[in-house]
Amino acid sequence: MQKIASRLQNVEPSLIRSFLIKASTLKNQGKDVISLTTGEPDFDTCTTIKEATKQAIDENYTHYGDFRGLLELRQEIAIKIERETGIKYNPVNEILITTGASEAIHHIILSLIDKDDEVIIFTPAFVSYENMIKIAEGKVIDIPLKKESGFQIDLEALEEAITDKTKLVIINSPNNPTGSVYSKEVLTGFCELMVKHDILVFTDEIYNCIAYDQVVYPINAFPGMKERTLYVNGFSKAYAMTGFRVGYIAASQYFIDAFARTHQYTTTCLPTFILVALAKTMNNFEVLEYTEYMRSEFSKRRDIVKTHLDQIDELDYTFPEGAFYYYIDVRKTGLNGLDFCEQLLNTKYVSCVPGIAFGPNYSDYIRISYAIDNTSLEIALIRIKEFIKQLSI
């Protein structure tokens, strides 16, 4: 029997997917499962975008398109990035449209990382970073962040971790899973180190429009950073378009040309009618107003969760400044994160994600998503309280 590629031997199955499957199995058995697992907004896609998509199909935008993505959409993306960061990108050769931000992660890491190149990530971190580095046969350099500092970047630990093999640093702010937003002071020091050591930065900006009380400072706007920043974003989270699968990379032409060489052998093109619809609508007032409405609703839900968590002495958390997650320390319950999630799902039918999914140093944590309707969210939190009370009986 033939063997799979050795590069996959250290690639771990996603615990997020694992708990989604377990929750789905119970739901199919008739159980009243509430999922706090996925980072998927429960809001419908804006009607303006949906109508434009249907119109584009009726107008027969159903054939092959430019593999780099519709130029008109790249132009609109450039407008969005400049509005949010103040930095201009040439839509012709400095923007590449991808199948969601996930494909952008794939392209960047496979296009840049050679065997044994070192990539620094700050954990807890989104599960794809580490496993894509392993697929590329690079070396993961993990810098664990601390709850006591609000999961801010430890600049001393970062400088100690940099070697002559460091090829890339990955950051994500607002962060999944902690909800932390990196401060201006921390990012200033971070960028100074990147310029000093001439290191590339992959910044995952997928939650940049879902922040509450803290300003999100764009990495590419700091001195000396545009040329060494690989800027990734998409439409899944802020636009509630997870099923549309549209993301993008903005970077210098040198890097975009490299990513496009990988892209052309994985994606012939994205659905043309979706790109046409987005080009017509993504910067429209009613669409931007809708994204702001969703952000304000997420903020209210964040407060709902806080009210409940503050009534549970056994749970410790850091108040999220962005995204739509709480990262919760459960060690006072006497359970680790994995056991907590297993037992909660099997007894109270509430699905969460074990914190260890986001880094090996976080076995005592769980992640809950509040991207769910208010009624279900309230019920899930009541069930969590009941579950913890039963643990002490």
Protein backbone atom coordinates (compact mmCIF):
# COMPACT_ATOMS: atom_id res chain seq x y z
CA MET A 1 0.00 0.00 0.00
CA GLN A 2 1.29 3.47 -0.91
CA LYS A 3 1.99 5.93 1.91
CA ILE A 4 0.86 9.51 2.18
CA ALA A 5 3.44 12.28 1.99
CA SER A 6 5.66 12.51 5.05
CA ARG A 7 4.97 16.25 5.26
CA LEU A 8 1.48 15.41 6.52
CA GLN A 9 2.59 13.25 9.42
CA ASN A 10 2.71 16.15 11.88
CA VAL A 11 -0.39 17.91 10.57
CA GLU A 12 -3.09 17.72 13.24
CA PRO A 13 -6.81 17.32 12.52
CA SER A 14 -8.69 20.47 13.51
CA LEU A 15 -10.36 20.23 16.92
CA ILE A 16 -12.81 22.85 15.70
CA ARG A 17 -13.95 20.49 12.93
CA SER A 18 -13.93 17.58 15.36
CA PHE A 19 -16.38 19.27 17.73
CA LEU A 20 -18.51 20.47 14.83
CA ILE A 21 -18.89 16.84 13.75
CA LYS A 22 -19.71 15.71 17.29
CA ALA A 23 -22.30 18.45 17.66
CA SER A 24 -23.81 17.64 14.27
CA THR A 25 -24.05 13.94 15.18
CA LEU A 26 -25.95 14.74 18.38
CA LYS A 27 -28.21 17.15 16.53
CA ASN A 28 -29.02 14.49 13.95
CA GLN A 29 -30.03 12.25 16.87
CA GLY A 30 -32.64 14.82 17.86
CA LYS A 31 -30.68 16.57 20.63
CA ASP A 32 -31.19 20.30 21.15
CA VAL A 33 -27.61 21.28 20.46
CA ILE A 34 -26.49 24.91 20.64
CA SER A 35 -23.18 25.56 18.91
CA LEU A 36 -20.76 28.16 20.25
CA THR A 37 -18.09 26.54 18.10
CA THR A 38 -17.87 28.24 14.75
CA GLY A 39 -16.74 31.73 13.91
CA GLU A 40 -19.63 32.32 11.56
CA PRO A 41 -21.93 35.33 11.86
CA ASP A 42 -25.57 34.28 12.14
CA PHE A 43 -26.69 37.35 10.19
CA ASP A 44 -27.93 37.04 6.62
CA THR A 45 -25.77 38.50 3.88
CA CYS A 46 -26.84 42.06 3.09
CA THR A 47 -29.82 42.11 0.69
CA THR A 48 -27.99 44.58 -1.56
CA ILE A 49 -25.22 42.05 -2.16
CA LYS A 50 -27.62 39.14 -2.66
CA GLU A 51 -29.70 41.05 -5.21
CA ALA A 52 -26.57 42.09 -7.11
CA THR A 53 -25.42 38.46 -7.14
CA LYS A 54 -28.72 37.27 -8.59
CA GLN A 55 -28.60 40.04 -11.17
CA ALA A 56 -25.06 39.07 -12.18
CA ILE A 57 -26.22 35.50 -12.77
CA ASP A 58 -29.16 36.75 -14.86
CA GLU A 59 -26.70 38.86 -16.85
CA ASN A 60 -24.71 35.66 -17.53
CA TYR A 61 -21.56 36.40 -15.57
CA THR A 62 -21.16 32.64 -15.28
CA HIS A 63 -18.00 31.99 -17.27
CA TYR A 64 -14.26 32.06 -16.60
CA GLY A 65 -12.79 35.25 -15.24
CA ASP A 66 -9.33 36.65 -14.56
CA PHE A 67 -7.54 34.16 -12.28
CA ARG A 68 -6.23 37.09 -10.21
CA GLY A 69 -9.81 38.23 -9.66
CA LEU A 70 -12.04 40.72 -11.42
CA LEU A 71 -10.13 44.00 -11.84
CA GLU A 72 -13.17 46.09 -10.89
CA LEU A 73 -13.35 44.26 -7.56
CA ARG A 74 -9.62 44.70 -6.98
CA GLN A 75 -10.16 48.42 -7.52
CA GLU A 76 -12.91 48.48 -4.90
CA ILE A 77 -10.74 46.47 -2.48
CA ALA A 78 -7.95 49.02 -2.95
CA ILE A 79 -10.44 51.77 -2.02
CA LYS A 80 -11.45 49.85 1.12
CA ILE A 81 -7.86 49.26 2.23
CA GLU A 82 -6.93 52.91 1.71
CA ARG A 83 -10.02 54.00 3.65
CA GLU A 84 -9.11 51.74 6.58
CA THR A 85 -5.31 52.06 6.62
CA GLY A 86 -4.38 55.13 4.58
CA ILE A 87 -2.15 52.95 2.39
CA LYS A 88 -2.57 52.73 -1.38
CA TYR A 89 -2.19 49.50 -3.36
CA ASN A 90 -2.21 49.25 -7.13
CA PRO A 91 -5.23 47.07 -7.96
CA VAL A 92 -3.60 45.88 -11.16
CA ASN A 93 -0.57 44.18 -9.66
CA GLU A 94 -0.66 44.53 -5.85
CA ILE A 95 -3.93 42.74 -5.03
CA LEU A 96 -4.84 39.07 -5.52
CA ILE A 97 -8.35 37.75 -4.87
CA THR A 98 -8.46 34.30 -3.25
CA THR A 99 -10.99 31.65 -2.25
CA GLY A 100 -11.49 33.10 1.20
CA ALA A 101 -8.74 34.16 3.58
CA SER A 102 -7.95 30.45 4.10
CA GLU A 103 -6.58 30.15 0.58
CA ALA A 104 -4.57 33.32 1.14
CA ILE A 105 -2.89 31.64 4.13
CA HIS A 106 -2.14 28.64 1.92
CA HIS A 107 -0.65 30.73 -0.87
CA ILE A 108 1.53 32.91 1.34
CA ILE A 109 3.07 30.06 3.31
CA LEU A 110 3.57 27.68 0.38
CA SER A 111 5.00 30.43 -1.78
CA LEU A 112 7.47 31.71 0.84
CA ILE A 113 8.49 28.91 3.18
CA ASP A 114 11.22 26.42 2.32
CA LYS A 115 12.16 23.39 4.36
CA ASP A 116 13.40 24.42 7.84
CA ASP A 117 12.59 28.11 7.37
CA GLU A 118 11.40 29.50 10.69
CA VAL A 119 8.00 31.14 11.05
CA ILE A 120 7.08 32.89 14.28
CA ILE A 121 3.49 32.69 15.49
CA PHE A 122 1.97 34.05 18.69
CA THR A 123 -0.25 31.58 20.45
CA PRO A 124 -3.07 31.09 21.07
CA ALA A 125 -3.52 31.34 17.32
CA PHE A 126 -5.87 30.30 14.53
CA VAL A 127 -5.33 26.63 13.78
CA SER A 128 -4.38 27.00 10.11
CA TYR A 129 -1.13 28.89 10.64
CA GLU A 130 0.80 26.12 12.39
CA ASN A 131 -0.48 23.32 10.20
CA MET A 132 0.17 25.14 6.93
CA ILE A 133 3.74 25.81 8.09
CA LYS A 134 4.11 22.08 8.75
CA ILE A 135 2.76 21.24 5.30
CA ALA A 136 5.39 23.57 3.82
CA GLU A 137 8.01 21.74 5.97
CA GLY A 138 8.89 24.94 7.77
CA LYS A 139 9.64 25.21 11.48
CA VAL A 140 7.06 26.70 13.81
CA ILE A 141 8.48 29.07 16.44
CA ASP A 142 5.74 29.45 19.00
CA ILE A 143 5.71 32.46 21.34
CA PRO A 144 2.98 31.87 23.96
CA LEU A 145 1.19 35.01 25.12
CA LYS A 146 -0.14 35.57 28.62
CA LYS A 147 -3.62 36.31 29.87
CA GLU A 148 -2.10 38.64 32.51
CA SER A 149 -0.88 40.99 29.76
CA GLY A 150 -4.14 40.84 27.82
CA PHE A 151 -2.46 38.47 25.33
CA GLN A 152 -0.35 41.35 23.98
CA ILE A 153 2.85 40.55 22.06
CA ASP A 154 5.88 40.02 24.27
CA LEU A 155 8.52 42.06 22.44
CA GLU A 156 11.45 40.71 24.47
CA ALA A 157 10.42 37.13 23.73
CA LEU A 158 10.02 38.03 20.07
CA GLU A 159 13.51 39.47 19.73
CA GLU A 160 14.99 36.44 21.47
CA ALA A 161 13.16 34.15 19.03
CA ILE A 162 14.46 35.85 15.88
CA THR A 163 17.33 34.05 14.15
CA ASP A 164 18.95 34.18 10.73
CA LYS A 165 16.43 31.51 9.66
CA THR A 166 13.37 33.61 10.55
CA LYS A 167 11.46 34.06 7.29
CA LEU A 168 8.07 35.27 8.41
CA VAL A 169 6.06 36.46 11.43
CA ILE A 170 2.29 35.98 11.53
CA ILE A 171 0.01 38.30 13.49
CA ASN A 172 -3.76 38.52 13.86
CA SER A 173 -5.47 41.53 15.45
CA PRO A 174 -8.28 41.50 16.51
CA ASN A 175 -7.28 38.03 17.50
CA ASN A 176 -8.92 34.66 17.13
CA PRO A 177 -9.36 33.15 19.74
CA THR A 178 -8.63 35.78 22.43
CA GLY A 179 -10.41 38.84 21.05
CA SER A 180 -7.35 40.93 21.90
CA VAL A 181 -6.40 43.99 19.86
CA TYR A 182 -2.70 44.81 19.83
CA SER A 183 -1.94 48.25 21.27
CA LYS A 184 -0.21 51.02 19.33
CA GLU A 185 2.74 50.88 21.71
CA VAL A 186 3.22 47.15 21.19
CA LEU A 187 2.84 47.41 17.42
CA THR A 188 5.32 50.27 17.25
CA GLY A 189 7.94 48.12 18.98
CA PHE A 190 6.96 45.13 16.87
CA CYS A 191 7.41 47.04 13.60
CA GLU A 192 10.75 48.43 14.70
CA LEU A 193 11.96 44.85 15.21
CA MET A 194 10.64 43.77 11.80
CA VAL A 195 12.44 46.65 10.08
CA LYS A 196 15.62 46.11 12.12
CA HIS A 197 15.81 42.43 11.18
CA ASP A 198 14.24 42.85 7.71
CA ILE A 199 11.50 40.27 8.30
CA LEU A 200 8.24 39.79 6.42
CA VAL A 201 4.95 40.06 8.30
CA PHE A 202 1.78 38.24 7.35
CA THR A 203 -1.07 40.16 8.98
CA ASP A 204 -4.45 38.44 9.15
CA GLU A 205 -6.97 41.31 9.15
CA ILE A 206 -10.15 39.23 8.84
CA TYR A 207 -11.64 40.81 12.01
CA ASN A 208 -10.33 44.35 11.50
CA CYS A 209 -13.86 45.77 11.14
CA ILE A 210 -15.14 43.98 14.25
CA ALA A 211 -13.55 45.96 17.08
CA TYR A 212 -15.30 47.68 19.97
CA ASP A 213 -13.49 50.00 22.36
CA GLN A 214 -9.96 49.72 20.99
CA VAL A 215 -8.53 51.23 17.79
CA VAL A 216 -7.16 48.67 15.33
CA TYR A 217 -3.80 49.97 14.13
CA PRO A 218 -2.89 48.63 10.67
CA ILE A 219 0.61 47.16 10.44
CA ASN A 220 1.16 48.30 6.86
CA ALA A 221 0.80 51.96 7.92
CA PHE A 222 3.82 51.94 10.27
CA PRO A 223 7.15 53.30 8.95
CA GLY A 224 8.98 50.86 6.71
CA MET A 225 6.19 48.29 6.85
CA LYS A 226 4.23 48.47 3.59
CA GLU A 227 7.01 46.78 1.63
CA ARG A 228 7.35 43.94 4.15
CA THR A 229 3.64 43.45 4.93
CA LEU A 230 1.46 40.73 3.42
CA TYR A 231 -2.03 42.03 4.14
CA VAL A 232 -4.85 39.46 4.17
CA ASN A 233 -8.57 40.08 4.57
CA GLY A 234 -11.87 38.81 3.27
CA PHE A 235 -15.64 39.10 3.32
CA SER A 236 -16.63 36.17 5.54
CA LYS A 237 -16.76 37.81 8.96
CA ALA A 238 -17.53 41.53 8.63
CA TYR A 239 -19.86 41.02 5.64
CA ALA A 240 -21.47 37.74 6.83
CA MET A 241 -20.47 36.03 3.58
CA THR A 242 -18.81 32.84 4.81
CA GLY A 243 -20.33 30.74 2.02
CA PHE A 244 -19.27 33.10 -0.75
CA ARG A 245 -15.58 32.33 -0.13
CA VAL A 246 -13.90 35.57 -1.15
CA GLY A 247 -10.65 36.83 0.37
CA TYR A 248 -7.68 38.81 -0.82
CA ILE A 249 -4.00 39.55 -0.38
CA ALA A 250 -2.47 43.01 -0.75
CA ALA A 251 1.32 43.27 -1.06
CA SER A 252 4.05 44.53 -3.34
CA GLN A 253 3.99 43.28 -6.93
CA TYR A 254 7.02 41.06 -6.27
CA PHE A 255 5.10 39.00 -3.73
CA ILE A 256 1.72 39.13 -5.48
CA ASP A 257 3.34 37.72 -8.62
CA ALA A 258 4.73 34.85 -6.54
CA PHE A 259 1.39 34.15 -4.85
CA ALA A 260 -0.33 34.26 -8.23
CA ARG A 261 1.99 31.51 -9.49
CA THR A 262 0.73 29.27 -6.68
CA HIS A 263 -2.85 30.49 -7.10
CA GLN A 264 -3.10 29.67 -10.80
CA TYR A 265 -2.56 25.97 -10.09
CA THR A 266 -5.10 25.75 -7.29
CA THR A 267 -7.91 28.03 -8.46
CA THR A 268 -8.85 28.60 -12.09
CA CYS A 269 -10.94 31.55 -11.00
CA LEU A 270 -13.54 32.45 -8.38
CA PRO A 271 -17.26 32.51 -9.32
CA THR A 272 -17.46 35.47 -11.69
CA PHE A 273 -20.99 36.50 -10.70
CA ILE A 274 -19.94 36.85 -7.02
CA LEU A 275 -17.01 39.10 -7.90
CA VAL A 276 -19.17 41.25 -10.19
CA ALA A 277 -21.76 41.64 -7.43
CA LEU A 278 -19.15 42.58 -4.82
CA ALA A 279 -17.50 45.09 -7.15
CA LYS A 280 -20.85 46.87 -7.47
CA THR A 281 -21.82 46.78 -3.81
CA MET A 282 -18.98 46.30 -1.29
CA ASN A 283 -18.38 50.02 -0.74
CA ASN A 284 -22.03 51.09 -1.03
CA PHE A 285 -23.44 53.06 1.90
CA GLU A 286 -26.17 50.53 2.69
CA VAL A 287 -23.66 47.66 2.76
CA LEU A 288 -21.23 49.52 5.02
CA GLU A 289 -24.14 50.56 7.24
CA TYR A 290 -25.13 46.88 7.53
CA THR A 291 -21.61 45.83 8.52
CA GLU A 292 -21.68 48.50 11.23
CA TYR A 293 -25.06 47.21 12.43
CA MET A 294 -23.60 43.72 12.79
CA ARG A 295 -20.60 45.06 14.69
CA SER A 296 -22.89 46.89 17.13
CA GLU A 297 -24.95 43.72 17.66
CA PHE A 298 -21.79 41.71 18.35
CA SER A 299 -20.86 44.32 20.94
CA LYS A 300 -24.22 43.81 22.70
CA ARG A 301 -23.72 40.05 22.68
CA ARG A 302 -20.26 40.49 24.13
CA ASP A 303 -21.90 42.24 27.08
CA ILE A 304 -24.50 39.47 27.43
CA VAL A 305 -21.72 36.89 27.74
CA LYS A 306 -19.84 39.04 30.25
CA THR A 307 -22.91 39.36 32.46
CA HIS A 308 -23.24 35.58 32.65
CA LEU A 309 -19.53 34.83 33.05
CA ASP A 310 -19.27 37.31 35.91
CA GLN A 311 -21.75 35.11 37.80
CA ILE A 312 -19.53 32.04 37.49
CA ASP A 313 -16.59 32.10 39.91
CA GLU A 314 -14.98 29.06 38.30
CA LEU A 315 -14.39 30.78 34.95
CA ASP A 316 -11.68 33.37 34.26
CA TYR A 317 -11.56 35.37 31.05
CA THR A 318 -10.05 38.35 29.29
CA PHE A 319 -12.66 40.82 28.05
CA PRO A 320 -12.47 40.73 24.22
CA GLU A 321 -11.72 43.98 22.40
CA GLY A 322 -12.61 42.64 18.95
CA ALA A 323 -13.76 39.62 16.91
CA PHE A 324 -16.57 37.56 18.54
CA TYR A 325 -14.92 35.11 20.92
CA TYR A 326 -14.23 34.65 24.60
CA TYR A 327 -11.16 32.65 25.55
CA ILE A 328 -11.91 31.23 28.99
CA ASP A 329 -9.71 29.59 31.62
CA VAL A 330 -11.69 26.67 33.10
CA ARG A 331 -9.08 25.14 35.45
CA LYS A 332 -11.05 26.13 38.59
CA THR A 333 -13.77 23.70 37.52
CA GLY A 334 -11.32 20.82 38.03
CA LEU A 335 -11.45 19.97 34.33
CA ASN A 336 -9.09 20.73 31.51
CA GLY A 337 -10.48 22.39 28.40
CA LEU A 338 -10.91 19.21 26.39
CA ASP A 339 -12.78 17.37 29.14
CA PHE A 340 -14.88 20.45 29.84
CA CYS A 341 -15.97 20.67 26.20
CA GLU A 342 -16.64 16.92 25.93
CA GLN A 343 -18.76 16.78 29.07
CA LEU A 344 -20.60 20.02 28.35
CA LEU A 345 -21.56 18.79 24.90
CA ASN A 346 -22.61 15.32 26.04
CA THR A 347 -24.66 16.47 29.05
CA LYS A 348 -25.93 19.96 28.22
CA TYR A 349 -25.67 19.88 24.42
CA VAL A 350 -23.59 23.05 24.18
CA SER A 351 -20.62 22.86 21.82
CA CYS A 352 -17.41 24.86 22.42
CA VAL A 353 -13.80 24.47 21.29
CA PRO A 354 -11.01 23.21 23.57
CA GLY A 355 -8.39 25.92 24.00
CA ILE A 356 -5.58 23.52 23.17
CA ALA A 357 -6.73 23.71 19.55
CA PHE A 358 -5.03 27.11 19.44
CA GLY A 359 -1.75 26.22 21.10
CA PRO A 360 -0.20 23.50 23.29
CA ASN A 361 0.13 25.80 26.30
CA TYR A 362 -3.61 26.37 26.60
CA SER A 363 -5.01 23.03 27.71
CA ASP A 364 -6.96 24.76 30.51
CA TYR A 365 -8.90 27.01 28.14
CA ILE A 366 -12.00 26.86 25.98
CA ARG A 367 -13.19 29.19 23.23
CA ILE A 368 -16.80 30.20 22.85
CA SER A 369 -18.19 32.14 19.90
CA TYR A 370 -20.99 34.65 20.41
CA ALA A 371 -21.76 34.88 16.69
CA ILE A 372 -25.17 33.41 17.43
CA ASP A 373 -28.66 34.80 18.02
CA ASN A 374 -29.32 36.32 21.44
CA THR A 375 -31.93 33.78 22.55
CA SER A 376 -29.72 30.77 21.80
CA LEU A 377 -26.76 32.55 23.38
CA GLU A 378 -28.65 33.16 26.62
CA ILE A 379 -29.84 29.54 26.77
CA ALA A 380 -26.33 28.21 26.13
CA LEU A 381 -24.87 30.35 28.91
CA ILE A 382 -27.55 29.19 31.36
CA ARG A 383 -26.71 25.60 30.47
CA ILE A 384 -23.01 26.27 31.10
CA LYS A 385 -23.86 27.63 34.56
CA GLU A 386 -25.97 24.55 35.29
CA PHE A 387 -23.17 22.27 34.08
CA ILE A 388 -20.61 23.89 36.40
CA LYS A 389 -22.98 23.73 39.38
CA GLN A 390 -23.45 19.99 38.78
CA LEU A 391 -19.67 19.49 38.78
CA SER A 392 -19.50 20.56 42.42
CA ILE A 393 -22.30 18.25 43.58
